[in-house]
Amino acid sequence: MKILQQKTEVRINEHPNIYVDRENLFAIQTGNGIYPCVVYMKNGKMGDYSFQSPGNDAFRQLENAIALLMEDSEK
């Protein structure tokens, strides 16, 4: 959580639309189980996902997606 908040500068507890799955309700069967996973929801279902790992910066991708949503909401 600390790394996610540091990388994105988003305070998780301040956003009701951000859910941290501490109970592993979203079980994604991949070989990346040790890495944090960002799940994108669409219409109440999992749309896409990305793992934060040495070869993939999922947190930066999330930060960019949030920035785009913020820009769109200001229009």
Protein backbone atom coordinates (compact mmCIF):
# COMPACT_ATOMS: atom_id res chain seq x y z
CA MET A 1 0.00 0.00 0.00
CA LYS A 2 2.75 2.43 0.88
CA ILE A 3 4.51 1.86 -2.44
CA LEU A 4 1.28 2.31 -4.39
CA GLN A 5 0.52 5.57 -2.57
CA GLN A 6 4.08 6.82 -3.00
CA LYS A 7 4.22 6.00 -6.71
CA THR A 8 0.79 7.40 -7.59
CA GLU A 9 0.51 10.13 -4.93
CA VAL A 10 -3.06 8.89 -4.41
CA ARG A 11 -4.24 8.40 -0.84
CA ILE A 12 -6.18 5.15 -1.09
CA ASN A 13 -8.45 5.82 1.90
CA GLU A 14 -9.64 9.10 0.37
CA HIS A 15 -11.23 7.43 -2.68
CA PRO A 16 -14.32 5.26 -2.26
CA ASN A 17 -13.89 3.84 -5.78
CA ILE A 18 -10.53 2.24 -4.92
CA TYR A 19 -10.81 -1.20 -3.36
CA VAL A 20 -7.92 -3.04 -1.76
CA ASP A 21 -8.61 -6.79 -1.90
CA ARG A 22 -7.17 -8.00 1.39
CA GLU A 23 -9.34 -11.16 1.36
CA ASN A 24 -8.22 -12.30 -2.13
CA LEU A 25 -11.72 -12.11 -3.58
CA PHE A 26 -10.20 -11.46 -7.00
CA ALA A 27 -8.12 -14.59 -7.53
CA ILE A 28 -6.19 -14.15 -10.76
CA GLN A 29 -4.46 -17.36 -11.77
CA THR A 30 -1.06 -16.34 -13.13
CA GLY A 31 2.56 -16.88 -12.30
CA ASN A 32 2.79 -13.34 -10.89
CA GLY A 33 1.23 -14.07 -7.50
CA ILE A 34 4.00 -12.36 -5.56
CA TYR A 35 3.44 -9.01 -7.26
CA PRO A 36 0.68 -6.48 -6.52
CA CYS A 37 -2.05 -6.49 -9.15
CA VAL A 38 -4.09 -3.54 -10.39
CA VAL A 39 -7.54 -4.63 -11.57
CA TYR A 40 -9.58 -2.35 -13.80
CA MET A 41 -13.33 -2.76 -13.47
CA LYS A 42 -15.81 -2.13 -16.27
CA ASN A 43 -19.57 -2.28 -15.71
CA GLY A 44 -19.07 -4.03 -12.37
CA LYS A 45 -16.83 -6.77 -13.78
CA MET A 46 -13.11 -7.23 -14.18
CA GLY A 47 -12.11 -5.58 -17.44
CA ASP A 48 -8.35 -5.82 -17.38
CA TYR A 49 -5.46 -6.27 -14.96
CA SER A 50 -1.78 -5.50 -14.73
CA PHE A 51 0.93 -6.58 -12.28
CA GLN A 52 3.47 -4.30 -10.67
CA SER A 53 6.77 -6.06 -11.26
CA PRO A 54 10.33 -5.23 -12.26
CA GLY A 55 9.34 -5.50 -15.93
CA ASN A 56 5.95 -3.78 -15.71
CA ASP A 57 5.03 -0.51 -13.99
CA ALA A 58 1.34 -1.11 -13.25
CA PHE A 59 1.27 1.70 -10.69
CA ARG A 60 2.45 4.22 -13.30
CA GLN A 61 -0.17 2.90 -15.72
CA LEU A 62 -2.80 3.36 -13.01
CA GLU A 63 -1.57 6.88 -12.32
CA ASN A 64 -1.90 7.71 -16.04
CA ALA A 65 -5.41 6.21 -16.20
CA ILE A 66 -6.47 8.28 -13.16
CA ALA A 67 -5.02 11.43 -14.71
CA LEU A 68 -7.01 10.84 -17.91
CA LEU A 69 -10.21 10.31 -15.92
CA MET A 70 -9.55 13.52 -14.00
CA GLU A 71 -9.01 15.44 -17.25
CA ASP A 72 -12.22 14.02 -18.74
CA SER A 73 -14.24 14.93 -15.64
CA GLU A 74 -13.02 18.54 -15.83
CA LYS A 75 -14.34 18.95 -19.39
